[in-house]
């Protein structure tokens, strides 16, 4: 039987999260364990000058049901085109398995999320490498992916359109 892998938004550590597999991750101007809520509280705003940053979001794969044999080659990617408009960016990076803190300063070492495509994805298991086997059932697998939205003073006010982040893997 095929494995069931969920995408979890991590809240307080590398092994605590909320299932966001078919849901929305909302970037906010605050960091708290309730910041996984998809609501209009604590929105990002267009600054008068310069650039403001959201608190980072951390995503990780969770094995809800195991594969028959194993899963390997985890990778994350976008469709390659941002629908956010002028002045809004999304930065992404693999941070391994060390949770770190939530922060709202410019991400160091990240790259444009929309540069990661199916042909050139972000490695999802560079530190916590597969293969992931049936014994890994009901546990976090692969690395933590950190994301951050930047809003420059050149951005337009208003809600942004949704974007899709895809997690893919090879399964035997």
C-alpha atoms as a PDB file:
ATOM      1  CA  UNK A   1       0.000   0.000   0.000  1.00  0.00           C
ATOM      2  CA  UNK A   2       1.182   3.538  -0.726  1.00  0.00           C
ATOM      3  CA  UNK A   3       2.456   5.625   2.161  1.00  0.00           C
ATOM      4  CA  UNK A   4       0.544   8.602   3.521  1.00  0.00           C
ATOM      5  CA  UNK A   5       2.847  11.533   4.153  1.00  0.00           C
ATOM      6  CA  UNK A   6       1.477  14.717   5.707  1.00  0.00           C
ATOM      7  CA  UNK A   7       2.970  18.207   5.711  1.00  0.00           C
ATOM      8  CA  UNK A   8       3.089  19.633   9.232  1.00  0.00           C
ATOM      9  CA  UNK A   9       3.655  23.229  10.271  1.00  0.00           C
ATOM     10  CA  UNK A  10       5.972  22.971  13.269  1.00  0.00           C
ATOM     11  CA  UNK A  11       5.073  25.028  16.315  1.00  0.00           C
ATOM     12  CA  UNK A  12       7.499  24.625  19.228  1.00  0.00           C
ATOM     13  CA  UNK A  13      10.138  22.060  18.246  1.00  0.00           C
ATOM     14  CA  UNK A  14      11.275  19.710  15.465  1.00  0.00           C
ATOM     15  CA  UNK A  15       8.690  17.082  16.450  1.00  0.00           C
ATOM     16  CA  UNK A  16       5.528  19.062  17.260  1.00  0.00           C
ATOM     17  CA  UNK A  17       3.282  20.333  14.520  1.00  0.00           C
ATOM     18  CA  UNK A  18      -0.120  20.847  12.957  1.00  0.00           C
ATOM     19  CA  UNK A  19      -1.237  18.980   9.821  1.00  0.00           C
ATOM     20  CA  UNK A  20      -1.384  21.418   6.906  1.00  0.00           C
ATOM     21  CA  UNK A  21      -1.345  18.850   4.087  1.00  0.00           C
ATOM     22  CA  UNK A  22      -4.428  20.165   2.275  1.00  0.00           C
ATOM     23  CA  UNK A  23      -4.629  23.426   4.140  1.00  0.00           C
ATOM     24  CA  UNK A  24      -3.133  26.896   4.332  1.00  0.00           C
ATOM     25  CA  UNK A  25      -0.020  28.204   6.042  1.00  0.00           C
ATOM     26  CA  UNK A  26      -0.625  31.833   7.012  1.00  0.00           C
ATOM     27  CA  UNK A  27       2.410  34.100   7.408  1.00  0.00           C
ATOM     28  CA  UNK A  28       2.016  36.556  10.275  1.00  0.00           C
ATOM     29  CA  UNK A  29       3.629  39.474  12.054  1.00  0.00           C
ATOM     30  CA  UNK A  30       3.795  37.544  15.361  1.00  0.00           C
ATOM     31  CA  UNK A  31       5.285  34.246  16.489  1.00  0.00           C
ATOM     32  CA  UNK A  32       3.307  32.067  18.843  1.00  0.00           C
ATOM     33  CA  UNK A  33       2.007  28.534  19.047  1.00  0.00           C
ATOM     34  CA  UNK A  34      -1.377  29.889  17.932  1.00  0.00           C
ATOM     35  CA  UNK A  35       0.190  31.424  14.825  1.00  0.00           C
ATOM     36  CA  UNK A  36      -0.781  28.273  12.885  1.00  0.00           C
ATOM     37  CA  UNK A  37      -4.354  29.590  12.812  1.00  0.00           C
ATOM     38  CA  UNK A  38      -5.527  30.690   9.384  1.00  0.00           C
ATOM     39  CA  UNK A  39      -7.221  33.956  10.275  1.00  0.00           C
ATOM     40  CA  UNK A  40      -6.877  37.705   9.792  1.00  0.00           C
ATOM     41  CA  UNK A  41      -5.103  38.280  13.133  1.00  0.00           C
ATOM     42  CA  UNK A  42      -1.624  39.839  13.077  1.00  0.00           C
ATOM     43  CA  UNK A  43      -1.370  40.394   9.309  1.00  0.00           C
ATOM     44  CA  UNK A  44       1.708  41.559   7.477  1.00  0.00           C
ATOM     45  CA  UNK A  45       1.404  45.171   6.364  1.00  0.00           C
ATOM     46  CA  UNK A  46       3.068  47.182   3.628  1.00  0.00           C
ATOM     47  CA  UNK A  47       5.745  49.332   5.299  1.00  0.00           C
ATOM     48  CA  UNK A  48       6.072  53.046   4.583  1.00  0.00           C
ATOM     49  CA  UNK A  49       9.698  52.456   3.568  1.00  0.00           C
ATOM     50  CA  UNK A  50      12.066  49.517   3.309  1.00  0.00           C
ATOM     51  CA  UNK A  51      11.036  45.886   3.816  1.00  0.00           C
ATOM     52  CA  UNK A  52       9.252  44.033   6.595  1.00  0.00           C
ATOM     53  CA  UNK A  53       9.506  40.281   7.171  1.00  0.00           C
ATOM     54  CA  UNK A  54       7.052  37.718   8.466  1.00  0.00           C
ATOM     55  CA  UNK A  55       7.971  35.400  11.258  1.00  0.00           C
ATOM     56  CA  UNK A  56       9.383  32.263   9.665  1.00  0.00           C
ATOM     57  CA  UNK A  57       7.282  29.159   9.167  1.00  0.00           C
ATOM     58  CA  UNK A  58       8.779  25.699   9.529  1.00  0.00           C
ATOM     59  CA  UNK A  59       7.402  22.701   7.619  1.00  0.00           C
ATOM     60  CA  UNK A  60       8.312  19.029   7.925  1.00  0.00           C
ATOM     61  CA  UNK A  61       7.047  15.739   6.507  1.00  0.00           C
ATOM     62  CA  UNK A  62       5.175  13.379   8.847  1.00  0.00           C
ATOM     63  CA  UNK A  63       4.678   9.703   8.049  1.00  0.00           C
ATOM     64  CA  UNK A  64       1.013   9.006   8.809  1.00  0.00           C
ATOM     65  CA  UNK A  65       0.979   5.558   7.193  1.00  0.00           C
ATOM     66  CA  UNK A  66       4.138   3.664   6.186  1.00  0.00           C
ATOM     67  CA  UNK A  67       5.233   2.512   2.738  1.00  0.00           C
ATOM     68  CA  UNK A  68       5.517  -1.189   1.906  1.00  0.00           C
ATOM     69  CA  UNK A  69       9.298  -0.905   1.631  1.00  0.00           C
ATOM     70  CA  UNK A  70      10.685   2.645   1.839  1.00  0.00           C
ATOM     71  CA  UNK A  71      10.563   6.325   0.891  1.00  0.00           C
ATOM     72  CA  UNK A  72      13.581   8.331  -0.258  1.00  0.00           C
ATOM     73  CA  UNK A  73      14.569  11.401  -2.288  1.00  0.00           C
ATOM     74  CA  UNK A  74      12.256  13.896  -0.559  1.00  0.00           C
ATOM     75  CA  UNK A  75      12.002  17.229  -2.368  1.00  0.00           C
ATOM     76  CA  UNK A  76      10.000  20.467  -2.129  1.00  0.00           C
ATOM     77  CA  UNK A  77       9.097  22.758  -5.003  1.00  0.00           C
ATOM     78  CA  UNK A  78       6.782  25.471  -6.351  1.00  0.00           C
ATOM     79  CA  UNK A  79       5.285  25.985  -9.806  1.00  0.00           C
ATOM     80  CA  UNK A  80       8.096  28.461 -10.517  1.00  0.00           C
ATOM     81  CA  UNK A  81       5.882  31.545 -10.749  1.00  0.00           C
ATOM     82  CA  UNK A  82       4.940  33.904  -7.929  1.00  0.00           C
ATOM     83  CA  UNK A  83       1.411  35.276  -7.940  1.00  0.00           C
ATOM     84  CA  UNK A  84       2.154  37.565  -5.000  1.00  0.00           C
ATOM     85  CA  UNK A  85       2.844  40.657  -7.103  1.00  0.00           C
ATOM     86  CA  UNK A  86       5.468  43.373  -6.961  1.00  0.00           C
ATOM     87  CA  UNK A  87       7.260  43.885  -3.671  1.00  0.00           C
ATOM     88  CA  UNK A  88       6.334  40.533  -2.077  1.00  0.00           C
ATOM     89  CA  UNK A  89       8.782  37.638  -1.959  1.00  0.00           C
ATOM     90  CA  UNK A  90       9.036  34.237  -0.339  1.00  0.00           C
ATOM     91  CA  UNK A  91      12.381  32.834   0.762  1.00  0.00           C
ATOM     92  CA  UNK A  92      12.995  29.165   1.557  1.00  0.00           C
ATOM     93  CA  UNK A  93      15.778  26.967   2.884  1.00  0.00           C
ATOM     94  CA  UNK A  94      16.443  23.552   4.347  1.00  0.00           C
ATOM     95  CA  UNK A  95      17.550  23.893   7.994  1.00  0.00           C
ATOM     96  CA  UNK A  96      18.173  20.208   8.672  1.00  0.00           C
ATOM     97  CA  UNK A  97      16.642  18.830  11.854  1.00  0.00           C
ATOM     98  CA  UNK A  98      17.536  21.617  14.298  1.00  0.00           C
ATOM     99  CA  UNK A  99      14.386  23.610  15.030  1.00  0.00           C
ATOM    100  CA  UNK A 100      15.922  26.946  16.037  1.00  0.00           C
ATOM    101  CA  UNK A 101      13.858  29.982  16.914  1.00  0.00           C
ATOM    102  CA  UNK A 102      11.081  31.871  15.170  1.00  0.00           C
ATOM    103  CA  UNK A 103      12.372  35.232  13.937  1.00  0.00           C
ATOM    104  CA  UNK A 104      11.182  38.143  11.818  1.00  0.00           C
ATOM    105  CA  UNK A 105      14.464  39.508  10.498  1.00  0.00           C
ATOM    106  CA  UNK A 106      15.652  38.770   6.960  1.00  0.00           C
ATOM    107  CA  UNK A 107      16.388  35.070   6.491  1.00  0.00           C
ATOM    108  CA  UNK A 108      20.061  34.331   6.022  1.00  0.00           C
ATOM    109  CA  UNK A 109      21.104  31.797   3.407  1.00  0.00           C
ATOM    110  CA  UNK A 110      17.693  31.259   1.848  1.00  0.00           C
ATOM    111  CA  UNK A 111      16.689  31.403  -1.804  1.00  0.00           C
ATOM    112  CA  UNK A 112      13.598  32.513  -3.696  1.00  0.00           C
ATOM    113  CA  UNK A 113      10.950  29.795  -3.198  1.00  0.00           C
ATOM    114  CA  UNK A 114       9.829  30.191  -6.815  1.00  0.00           C
ATOM    115  CA  UNK A 115      13.309  29.236  -8.017  1.00  0.00           C
ATOM    116  CA  UNK A 116      12.606  25.727  -6.706  1.00  0.00           C
ATOM    117  CA  UNK A 117      10.679  23.793  -9.357  1.00  0.00           C
ATOM    118  CA  UNK A 118      10.060  20.119 -10.106  1.00  0.00           C
ATOM    119  CA  UNK A 119      13.176  20.228 -12.307  1.00  0.00           C
ATOM    120  CA  UNK A 120      15.283  21.916  -9.617  1.00  0.00           C
ATOM    121  CA  UNK A 121      13.719  21.205  -6.196  1.00  0.00           C
ATOM    122  CA  UNK A 122      14.823  22.033  -2.654  1.00  0.00           C
ATOM    123  CA  UNK A 123      16.402  18.942  -1.083  1.00  0.00           C
ATOM    124  CA  UNK A 124      14.068  17.658   1.635  1.00  0.00           C
ATOM    125  CA  UNK A 125      16.285  15.014   3.240  1.00  0.00           C
ATOM    126  CA  UNK A 126      19.871  16.280   3.191  1.00  0.00           C
ATOM    127  CA  UNK A 127      20.384  15.842   6.956  1.00  0.00           C
ATOM    128  CA  UNK A 128      17.717  13.341   7.978  1.00  0.00           C
ATOM    129  CA  UNK A 129      18.355  11.108   5.006  1.00  0.00           C
ATOM    130  CA  UNK A 130      16.229   8.229   3.861  1.00  0.00           C
ATOM    131  CA  UNK A 131      15.320   5.687   3.130  1.00  0.00           C
ATOM    132  CA  UNK A 132      12.408   5.985   5.539  1.00  0.00           C
ATOM    133  CA  UNK A 133      10.909   2.599   6.338  1.00  0.00           C
ATOM    134  CA  UNK A 134       7.752   1.177   7.946  1.00  0.00           C
ATOM    135  CA  UNK A 135       9.397   1.453  11.382  1.00  0.00           C
ATOM    136  CA  UNK A 136       9.317   5.262  10.917  1.00  0.00           C
ATOM    137  CA  UNK A 137       5.489   5.236  10.944  1.00  0.00           C
ATOM    138  CA  UNK A 138       3.883   8.047  12.959  1.00  0.00           C
ATOM    139  CA  UNK A 139       7.057  10.116  13.088  1.00  0.00           C
ATOM    140  CA  UNK A 140       8.661  13.135  11.441  1.00  0.00           C
ATOM    141  CA  UNK A 141      10.919  12.307   8.512  1.00  0.00           C
ATOM    142  CA  UNK A 142      13.253  14.382   6.386  1.00  0.00           C
ATOM    143  CA  UNK A 143      14.447  17.877   7.100  1.00  0.00           C
ATOM    144  CA  UNK A 144      12.718  21.046   8.273  1.00  0.00           C
ATOM    145  CA  UNK A 145      11.983  23.562   5.536  1.00  0.00           C
ATOM    146  CA  UNK A 146      11.906  27.187   6.670  1.00  0.00           C
ATOM    147  CA  UNK A 147       9.893  29.816   4.769  1.00  0.00           C
ATOM    148  CA  UNK A 148       9.558  33.587   5.123  1.00  0.00           C
ATOM    149  CA  UNK A 149       7.558  36.299   3.350  1.00  0.00           C
ATOM    150  CA  UNK A 150       9.087  39.725   2.691  1.00  0.00           C
ATOM    151  CA  UNK A 151       6.936  42.787   2.008  1.00  0.00           C
ATOM    152  CA  UNK A 152       8.579  45.865   0.511  1.00  0.00           C
ATOM    153  CA  UNK A 153       7.157  49.376   0.489  1.00  0.00           C
ATOM    154  CA  UNK A 154       6.507  48.907  -3.260  1.00  0.00           C
ATOM    155  CA  UNK A 155       3.879  46.195  -2.598  1.00  0.00           C
ATOM    156  CA  UNK A 156       0.164  46.797  -2.985  1.00  0.00           C
ATOM    157  CA  UNK A 157      -2.239  46.583  -0.047  1.00  0.00           C
ATOM    158  CA  UNK A 158      -4.687  43.697   0.133  1.00  0.00           C
ATOM    159  CA  UNK A 159      -4.882  39.944   0.442  1.00  0.00           C
ATOM    160  CA  UNK A 160      -2.547  37.835  -1.664  1.00  0.00           C
ATOM    161  CA  UNK A 161      -3.504  34.903  -3.836  1.00  0.00           C
ATOM    162  CA  UNK A 162      -2.600  31.449  -2.531  1.00  0.00           C
ATOM    163  CA  UNK A 163       0.489  29.630  -3.766  1.00  0.00           C
ATOM    164  CA  UNK A 164       1.164  25.892  -3.706  1.00  0.00           C
ATOM    165  CA  UNK A 165       4.212  24.174  -2.235  1.00  0.00           C
ATOM    166  CA  UNK A 166       4.630  20.540  -3.286  1.00  0.00           C
ATOM    167  CA  UNK A 167       6.403  17.756  -1.382  1.00  0.00           C
ATOM    168  CA  UNK A 168       7.413  14.788  -3.552  1.00  0.00           C
ATOM    169  CA  UNK A 169       9.302  11.557  -2.827  1.00  0.00           C
ATOM    170  CA  UNK A 170      10.250   8.232  -4.376  1.00  0.00           C
ATOM    171  CA  UNK A 171       8.528   5.166  -2.956  1.00  0.00           C
ATOM    172  CA  UNK A 172       9.177   1.452  -3.226  1.00  0.00           C
END
